[in-house]
């Protein structure tokens, strides 16, 4: 796995950290592009024939979470009555995406899974 791909994933993870927070939902315009990029990287992993299993699954989960965040941001803009709920959904989804991206990067780096060590 190339370090270039890991660096791109870290950049997306950092970008998601910037949009997290109360004012972040209003600056969430790049989420669709981030989701597409994550899905493309998951497909690259599968195409390379390396052990894509866990890393690709985590990337797919991250892409889904980013799409949920984009939907929450859209609901935030469209419906003022549910802004508090939409903001909460947005924060939860971006947090999940960041954690899943971090997990995928750890798998690609060969870092042992802490959850597996706990059992």
N, C-alpha and C. Protein backbone atom coordinates (compact mmCIF):
# COMPACT_ATOMS: atom_id res chain seq x y z
N UNK A 1 0.85 -1.17 0.00
CA UNK A 1 0.00 0.00 0.00
C UNK A 1 0.89 1.23 0.00
N UNK A 2 0.59 2.14 -0.85
CA UNK A 2 1.45 3.31 -0.99
C UNK A 2 1.23 4.31 0.14
N UNK A 3 2.30 4.98 0.46
CA UNK A 3 2.19 6.02 1.49
C UNK A 3 1.39 7.20 0.96
N UNK A 4 1.36 7.36 -0.36
CA UNK A 4 0.59 8.44 -0.95
C UNK A 4 -0.90 8.29 -0.63
N UNK A 5 -1.41 7.07 -0.72
CA UNK A 5 -2.81 6.83 -0.41
C UNK A 5 -3.09 7.11 1.06
N UNK A 6 -2.19 6.67 1.93
CA UNK A 6 -2.36 6.94 3.36
C UNK A 6 -2.35 8.44 3.64
N UNK A 7 -1.48 9.16 2.95
CA UNK A 7 -1.42 10.61 3.14
C UNK A 7 -2.72 11.28 2.69
N UNK A 8 -3.28 10.81 1.57
CA UNK A 8 -4.54 11.37 1.10
C UNK A 8 -5.67 11.09 2.08
N UNK A 9 -5.67 9.89 2.65
CA UNK A 9 -6.70 9.55 3.65
C UNK A 9 -6.54 10.42 4.90
N UNK A 10 -5.30 10.67 5.30
CA UNK A 10 -5.07 11.55 6.46
C UNK A 10 -5.54 12.98 6.18
N UNK A 11 -5.34 13.44 4.94
CA UNK A 11 -5.81 14.77 4.57
C UNK A 11 -7.33 14.87 4.68
N UNK A 12 -8.02 13.84 4.21
CA UNK A 12 -9.48 13.83 4.32
C UNK A 12 -9.90 13.79 5.78
N UNK A 13 -9.20 12.98 6.57
CA UNK A 13 -9.51 12.89 8.00
C UNK A 13 -9.33 14.25 8.66
N UNK A 14 -8.26 14.94 8.33
CA UNK A 14 -8.04 16.28 8.87
C UNK A 14 -9.10 17.27 8.40
N UNK A 15 -9.50 17.16 7.14
CA UNK A 15 -10.53 18.05 6.60
C UNK A 15 -11.86 17.83 7.32
N UNK A 16 -12.16 16.59 7.67
CA UNK A 16 -13.39 16.31 8.41
C UNK A 16 -13.32 16.90 9.81
N UNK A 17 -12.15 16.98 10.37
CA UNK A 17 -11.99 17.59 11.69
C UNK A 17 -12.25 19.08 11.66
N UNK A 18 -11.98 19.70 10.52
CA UNK A 18 -12.20 21.14 10.38
C UNK A 18 -13.69 21.46 10.32
N UNK A 19 -14.49 20.59 9.71
CA UNK A 19 -15.92 20.87 9.60
C UNK A 19 -16.69 20.41 10.82
N UNK A 20 -16.03 19.73 11.74
CA UNK A 20 -16.71 19.27 12.95
C UNK A 20 -16.94 20.45 13.87
N UNK A 21 -18.07 20.47 14.53
CA UNK A 21 -18.37 21.54 15.46
C UNK A 21 -19.60 22.32 15.03
N UNK A 22 -20.04 23.24 15.87
CA UNK A 22 -21.29 23.96 15.60
C UNK A 22 -21.29 24.74 14.29
N UNK A 23 -20.21 25.42 13.98
CA UNK A 23 -20.19 26.20 12.74
C UNK A 23 -19.81 25.34 11.53
N UNK A 24 -19.35 24.14 11.77
CA UNK A 24 -18.90 23.27 10.69
C UNK A 24 -20.01 22.83 9.76
N UNK A 25 -21.21 22.67 10.28
CA UNK A 25 -22.32 22.21 9.46
C UNK A 25 -22.63 23.22 8.35
N UNK A 26 -22.32 24.46 8.58
CA UNK A 26 -22.56 25.48 7.56
C UNK A 26 -21.46 25.52 6.51
N UNK A 27 -20.31 24.89 6.81
CA UNK A 27 -19.18 24.87 5.87
C UNK A 27 -18.95 23.47 5.32
N UNK A 28 -19.99 22.71 5.15
CA UNK A 28 -19.86 21.29 4.81
C UNK A 28 -19.98 21.02 3.31
N UNK A 29 -19.57 21.93 2.48
CA UNK A 29 -19.75 21.79 1.05
C UNK A 29 -18.94 20.70 0.38
N UNK A 30 -17.81 20.30 0.93
CA UNK A 30 -16.93 19.33 0.28
C UNK A 30 -17.22 17.88 0.66
N UNK A 31 -18.24 17.64 1.42
CA UNK A 31 -18.47 16.29 1.93
C UNK A 31 -18.73 15.28 0.82
N UNK A 32 -19.47 15.67 -0.20
CA UNK A 32 -19.73 14.75 -1.31
C UNK A 32 -18.45 14.34 -2.02
N UNK A 33 -17.56 15.29 -2.22
CA UNK A 33 -16.28 14.99 -2.86
C UNK A 33 -15.43 14.09 -1.98
N UNK A 34 -15.48 14.31 -0.67
CA UNK A 34 -14.72 13.45 0.25
C UNK A 34 -15.25 12.02 0.21
N UNK A 35 -16.57 11.87 0.20
CA UNK A 35 -17.16 10.52 0.16
C UNK A 35 -16.76 9.80 -1.12
N UNK A 36 -16.80 10.50 -2.24
CA UNK A 36 -16.41 9.88 -3.51
C UNK A 36 -14.94 9.48 -3.50
N UNK A 37 -14.09 10.33 -2.93
CA UNK A 37 -12.67 10.01 -2.86
C UNK A 37 -12.43 8.78 -1.99
N UNK A 38 -13.11 8.71 -0.86
CA UNK A 38 -12.94 7.55 0.03
C UNK A 38 -13.39 6.28 -0.67
N UNK A 39 -14.52 6.33 -1.36
CA UNK A 39 -14.99 5.16 -2.10
C UNK A 39 -14.00 4.75 -3.19
N UNK A 40 -13.42 5.73 -3.84
CA UNK A 40 -12.42 5.45 -4.88
C UNK A 40 -11.19 4.77 -4.28
N UNK A 41 -10.77 5.21 -3.10
CA UNK A 41 -9.61 4.61 -2.45
C UNK A 41 -9.92 3.18 -2.00
N UNK A 42 -11.15 2.94 -1.55
CA UNK A 42 -11.54 1.58 -1.18
C UNK A 42 -11.50 0.67 -2.40
N UNK A 43 -11.95 1.19 -3.54
CA UNK A 43 -11.90 0.41 -4.78
C UNK A 43 -10.46 0.15 -5.21
N UNK A 44 -9.58 1.13 -5.01
CA UNK A 44 -8.16 0.94 -5.32
C UNK A 44 -7.56 -0.19 -4.49
N UNK A 45 -7.92 -0.22 -3.22
CA UNK A 45 -7.42 -1.28 -2.35
C UNK A 45 -7.86 -2.65 -2.86
N UNK A 46 -9.10 -2.75 -3.25
CA UNK A 46 -9.62 -4.01 -3.74
C UNK A 46 -8.96 -4.39 -5.06
N UNK A 47 -8.71 -3.42 -5.92
CA UNK A 47 -8.11 -3.69 -7.23
C UNK A 47 -6.64 -4.08 -7.11
N UNK A 48 -5.95 -3.57 -6.10
CA UNK A 48 -4.53 -3.87 -5.95
C UNK A 48 -4.28 -5.30 -5.53
N UNK A 49 -5.30 -5.96 -5.03
CA UNK A 49 -5.14 -7.35 -4.65
C UNK A 49 -4.47 -7.55 -3.31
N UNK A 50 -4.12 -6.47 -2.64
CA UNK A 50 -3.59 -6.60 -1.30
C UNK A 50 -4.74 -7.00 -0.39
N UNK A 51 -4.47 -7.29 0.83
CA UNK A 51 -5.51 -7.71 1.75
C UNK A 51 -6.44 -6.53 2.04
N UNK A 52 -7.46 -6.35 1.23
CA UNK A 52 -8.30 -5.17 1.37
C UNK A 52 -9.39 -5.31 2.42
N UNK A 53 -9.63 -6.52 2.89
CA UNK A 53 -10.77 -6.80 3.74
C UNK A 53 -11.12 -5.74 4.75
N UNK A 54 -10.37 -5.67 5.82
CA UNK A 54 -10.73 -4.78 6.92
C UNK A 54 -10.57 -3.31 6.55
N UNK A 55 -9.50 -2.97 5.87
CA UNK A 55 -9.28 -1.57 5.50
C UNK A 55 -10.37 -1.09 4.54
N UNK A 56 -10.71 -1.91 3.55
CA UNK A 56 -11.75 -1.52 2.59
C UNK A 56 -13.10 -1.39 3.28
N UNK A 57 -13.39 -2.28 4.22
CA UNK A 57 -14.65 -2.19 4.96
C UNK A 57 -14.71 -0.90 5.78
N UNK A 58 -13.61 -0.57 6.40
CA UNK A 58 -13.59 0.67 7.20
C UNK A 58 -13.73 1.90 6.30
N UNK A 59 -13.10 1.86 5.15
CA UNK A 59 -13.24 2.98 4.22
C UNK A 59 -14.67 3.10 3.71
N UNK A 60 -15.29 1.97 3.42
CA UNK A 60 -16.69 1.99 2.98
C UNK A 60 -17.58 2.56 4.07
N UNK A 61 -17.34 2.16 5.31
CA UNK A 61 -18.09 2.72 6.43
C UNK A 61 -17.86 4.21 6.59
N UNK A 62 -16.63 4.64 6.37
CA UNK A 62 -16.32 6.08 6.46
C UNK A 62 -17.05 6.85 5.37
N UNK A 63 -17.10 6.30 4.16
CA UNK A 63 -17.79 6.97 3.07
C UNK A 63 -19.29 7.10 3.37
N UNK A 64 -19.87 6.04 3.93
CA UNK A 64 -21.29 6.10 4.31
C UNK A 64 -21.53 7.16 5.38
N UNK A 65 -20.62 7.23 6.34
CA UNK A 65 -20.77 8.23 7.40
C UNK A 65 -20.65 9.65 6.84
N UNK A 66 -19.75 9.84 5.89
CA UNK A 66 -19.61 11.17 5.28
C UNK A 66 -20.88 11.53 4.51
N UNK A 67 -21.46 10.57 3.83
CA UNK A 67 -22.72 10.83 3.12
C UNK A 67 -23.85 11.17 4.10
N UNK A 68 -23.88 10.48 5.25
CA UNK A 68 -24.88 10.82 6.28
C UNK A 68 -24.66 12.24 6.79
N UNK A 69 -23.41 12.63 6.94
CA UNK A 69 -23.10 13.99 7.39
C UNK A 69 -23.57 15.01 6.35
N UNK A 70 -23.39 14.69 5.08
CA UNK A 70 -23.84 15.60 4.02
C UNK A 70 -25.36 15.75 4.04
N UNK A 71 -26.06 14.64 4.27
CA UNK A 71 -27.52 14.71 4.36
C UNK A 71 -27.95 15.55 5.57
N UNK A 72 -27.27 15.37 6.69
CA UNK A 72 -27.60 16.15 7.88
C UNK A 72 -27.34 17.64 7.64
N UNK A 73 -26.27 17.96 6.93
CA UNK A 73 -25.98 19.36 6.62
C UNK A 73 -27.05 19.94 5.71
N UNK A 74 -27.52 19.15 4.76
CA UNK A 74 -28.59 19.61 3.88
C UNK A 74 -29.88 19.85 4.67
N UNK A 75 -30.21 18.93 5.56
CA UNK A 75 -31.41 19.11 6.40
C UNK A 75 -31.26 20.34 7.29
N UNK A 76 -30.07 20.59 7.75
CA UNK A 76 -29.81 21.77 8.58
C UNK A 76 -30.14 23.05 7.81
N UNK A 77 -29.74 23.08 6.55
CA UNK A 77 -29.98 24.27 5.73
C UNK A 77 -31.45 24.41 5.35
N UNK A 78 -32.13 23.30 5.11
CA UNK A 78 -33.49 23.33 4.58
C UNK A 78 -34.54 23.55 5.67
N UNK A 79 -34.37 22.92 6.81
CA UNK A 79 -35.42 22.94 7.82
C UNK A 79 -34.92 23.56 9.12
N UNK A 80 -35.24 24.83 9.35
CA UNK A 80 -34.75 25.50 10.56
C UNK A 80 -35.30 24.91 11.86
N UNK A 81 -36.44 24.24 11.79
CA UNK A 81 -37.03 23.69 13.02
C UNK A 81 -36.24 22.52 13.58
N UNK A 82 -35.49 21.84 12.75
CA UNK A 82 -34.75 20.66 13.22
C UNK A 82 -33.24 20.89 13.20
N UNK A 83 -32.82 22.13 13.23
CA UNK A 83 -31.38 22.41 13.14
C UNK A 83 -30.58 21.78 14.27
N UNK A 84 -31.10 21.79 15.48
CA UNK A 84 -30.36 21.19 16.59
C UNK A 84 -30.14 19.70 16.36
N UNK A 85 -31.18 19.01 15.91
CA UNK A 85 -31.05 17.58 15.64
C UNK A 85 -30.11 17.32 14.47
N UNK A 86 -30.23 18.14 13.44
CA UNK A 86 -29.37 17.97 12.27
C UNK A 86 -27.91 18.22 12.63
N UNK A 87 -27.68 19.20 13.47
CA UNK A 87 -26.32 19.49 13.90
C UNK A 87 -25.74 18.31 14.69
N UNK A 88 -26.56 17.70 15.52
CA UNK A 88 -26.11 16.52 16.27
C UNK A 88 -25.81 15.35 15.36
N UNK A 89 -26.69 15.12 14.39
CA UNK A 89 -26.45 14.04 13.42
C UNK A 89 -25.18 14.30 12.62
N UNK A 90 -24.98 15.55 12.26
CA UNK A 90 -23.79 15.93 11.50
C UNK A 90 -22.52 15.65 12.30
N UNK A 91 -22.52 16.07 13.56
CA UNK A 91 -21.34 15.87 14.41
C UNK A 91 -21.07 14.38 14.61
N UNK A 92 -22.12 13.62 14.84
CA UNK A 92 -21.96 12.18 15.03
C UNK A 92 -21.39 11.52 13.77
N UNK A 93 -21.94 11.86 12.62
CA UNK A 93 -21.49 11.25 11.37
C UNK A 93 -20.05 11.63 11.03
N UNK A 94 -19.68 12.90 11.22
CA UNK A 94 -18.30 13.28 10.91
C UNK A 94 -17.33 12.62 11.89
N UNK A 95 -17.74 12.49 13.14
CA UNK A 95 -16.90 11.79 14.11
C UNK A 95 -16.71 10.33 13.75
N UNK A 96 -17.79 9.68 13.34
CA UNK A 96 -17.69 8.28 12.93
C UNK A 96 -16.78 8.13 11.72
N UNK A 97 -16.91 9.04 10.78
CA UNK A 97 -16.08 8.97 9.58
C UNK A 97 -14.60 9.13 9.94
N UNK A 98 -14.30 10.07 10.82
CA UNK A 98 -12.90 10.28 11.22
C UNK A 98 -12.33 9.06 11.92
N UNK A 99 -13.12 8.44 12.79
CA UNK A 99 -12.66 7.25 13.50
C UNK A 99 -12.44 6.10 12.52
N UNK A 100 -13.36 5.91 11.59
CA UNK A 100 -13.22 4.82 10.63
C UNK A 100 -12.05 5.06 9.68
N UNK A 101 -11.83 6.30 9.30
CA UNK A 101 -10.65 6.59 8.48
C UNK A 101 -9.38 6.31 9.26
N UNK A 102 -9.36 6.71 10.52
CA UNK A 102 -8.19 6.43 11.36
C UNK A 102 -7.94 4.94 11.50
N UNK A 103 -9.02 4.18 11.66
CA UNK A 103 -8.88 2.73 11.75
C UNK A 103 -8.35 2.12 10.46
N UNK A 104 -8.83 2.62 9.33
CA UNK A 104 -8.35 2.12 8.04
C UNK A 104 -6.87 2.45 7.86
N UNK A 105 -6.48 3.64 8.25
CA UNK A 105 -5.07 4.03 8.14
C UNK A 105 -4.21 3.13 9.04
N UNK A 106 -4.71 2.85 10.24
CA UNK A 106 -3.97 1.96 11.14
C UNK A 106 -3.82 0.57 10.55
N UNK A 107 -4.88 0.06 9.93
CA UNK A 107 -4.81 -1.26 9.30
C UNK A 107 -3.77 -1.24 8.18
N UNK A 108 -3.79 -0.18 7.39
CA UNK A 108 -2.83 -0.08 6.28
C UNK A 108 -1.40 0.07 6.79
N UNK A 109 -1.24 0.71 7.94
CA UNK A 109 0.09 0.87 8.53
C UNK A 109 0.55 -0.38 9.28
N UNK A 110 -0.37 -1.30 9.50
CA UNK A 110 -0.02 -2.52 10.22
C UNK A 110 -0.07 -2.38 11.72
N UNK A 111 -0.77 -1.37 12.21
CA UNK A 111 -0.92 -1.17 13.65
C UNK A 111 -1.93 -2.18 14.17
N UNK A 112 -1.61 -2.90 15.24
CA UNK A 112 -2.57 -3.88 15.77
C UNK A 112 -3.83 -3.19 16.28
N UNK A 113 -4.95 -3.87 16.12
CA UNK A 113 -6.25 -3.34 16.52
C UNK A 113 -6.39 -3.43 18.04
N UNK A 114 -6.64 -2.30 18.67
CA UNK A 114 -6.77 -2.27 20.13
C UNK A 114 -7.99 -3.06 20.60
N UNK A 115 -9.06 -3.07 19.81
CA UNK A 115 -10.26 -3.81 20.20
C UNK A 115 -9.97 -5.31 20.20
N UNK A 116 -9.16 -5.78 19.27
CA UNK A 116 -8.83 -7.20 19.22
C UNK A 116 -7.92 -7.57 20.39
N UNK A 117 -7.08 -6.64 20.83
CA UNK A 117 -6.19 -6.91 21.96
C UNK A 117 -6.96 -6.99 23.27
N UNK A 118 -8.08 -6.27 23.36
CA UNK A 118 -8.85 -6.23 24.60
C UNK A 118 -9.60 -7.53 24.86
N UNK A 119 -9.88 -8.28 23.82
CA UNK A 119 -10.66 -9.52 24.01
C UNK A 119 -9.80 -10.69 24.38
